[in-house]
Amino acid sequence: MLAKLSEKKKAIQLRSLGYSLNEIATSLKISKASASIWLRDVYLSERAKKIISKKRERARVKSAETRHA
């Protein structure tokens, strides 16, 4: 049980740094569903929101480039 608690604390810390749910799940070797449940009530700072938004935009651009290549 303590292992899960430490994973949850680490997930919260990563989320506050702007990590996406996928990045957190992969990093901690947990399911995306667990990450989502653990983090659904975590407040995101404006800084973290901007980091996540930039990552989404980069992924969108990369996807568009791949489709048109």
Protein backbone atom coordinates (compact mmCIF):
# COMPACT_ATOMS: atom_id res chain seq x y z
CA MET A 1 0.00 0.00 0.00
CA LEU A 2 2.86 2.39 0.78
CA ALA A 3 4.30 1.79 -2.68
CA LYS A 4 1.05 2.98 -4.26
CA LEU A 5 1.03 6.03 -2.02
CA SER A 6 4.57 6.96 -3.03
CA GLU A 7 3.65 6.42 -6.71
CA LYS A 8 0.63 8.68 -6.28
CA LYS A 9 2.75 11.40 -4.66
CA LYS A 10 5.26 11.14 -7.51
CA ALA A 11 2.42 11.32 -10.05
CA ILE A 12 1.12 14.50 -8.43
CA GLN A 13 4.61 15.99 -8.47
CA LEU A 14 5.10 15.14 -12.16
CA ARG A 15 1.69 16.54 -13.07
CA SER A 16 2.49 19.82 -11.34
CA LEU A 17 5.62 19.99 -13.52
CA GLY A 18 3.50 19.72 -16.66
CA TYR A 19 3.79 16.03 -17.46
CA SER A 20 0.91 14.51 -19.41
CA LEU A 21 -1.10 11.55 -18.13
CA ASN A 22 0.60 9.32 -20.71
CA GLU A 23 4.06 10.47 -19.65
CA ILE A 24 3.23 9.89 -15.98
CA ALA A 25 1.73 6.46 -16.62
CA THR A 26 4.75 5.40 -18.67
CA SER A 27 7.27 6.82 -16.23
CA LEU A 28 5.70 5.18 -13.17
CA LYS A 29 4.65 2.00 -15.00
CA ILE A 30 1.01 2.43 -14.02
CA SER A 31 -2.11 2.40 -16.15
CA LYS A 32 -3.35 5.64 -17.66
CA ALA A 33 -6.65 4.99 -15.88
CA SER A 34 -4.89 4.95 -12.49
CA ALA A 35 -3.04 8.15 -13.34
CA SER A 36 -6.30 9.77 -14.41
CA ILE A 37 -8.10 8.78 -11.20
CA TRP A 38 -5.21 9.87 -8.97
CA LEU A 39 -4.85 13.21 -10.72
CA ARG A 40 -8.41 14.24 -11.53
CA ASP A 41 -8.61 16.65 -8.58
CA VAL A 42 -5.06 18.00 -8.90
CA TYR A 43 -4.95 21.71 -9.61
CA LEU A 44 -2.80 22.63 -12.61
CA SER A 45 -0.91 25.88 -12.39
CA GLU A 46 -0.93 28.18 -15.40
CA ARG A 47 2.70 27.18 -16.00
CA ALA A 48 1.83 23.47 -16.07
CA LYS A 49 -1.15 24.16 -18.36
CA LYS A 50 1.13 26.02 -20.78
CA ILE A 51 3.68 23.19 -20.80
CA ILE A 52 0.98 20.61 -21.53
CA SER A 53 -0.56 22.83 -24.19
CA LYS A 54 2.81 23.25 -25.93
CA LYS A 55 3.34 19.48 -25.91
CA ARG A 56 -0.09 18.95 -27.47
CA GLU A 57 0.64 21.52 -30.17
CA ARG A 58 4.02 19.92 -30.99
CA ALA A 59 2.34 16.51 -31.24
CA ARG A 60 -0.40 17.93 -33.49
CA VAL A 61 2.17 19.52 -35.81
CA LYS A 62 4.27 16.34 -35.90
CA SER A 63 1.18 14.29 -36.72
CA ALA A 64 0.20 16.65 -39.53
CA GLU A 65 3.73 16.52 -40.97
CA THR A 66 3.74 12.74 -40.84
CA ARG A 67 0.40 12.46 -42.63
CA HIS A 68 1.49 14.83 -45.40
CA ALA A 69 4.95 13.37 -45.89
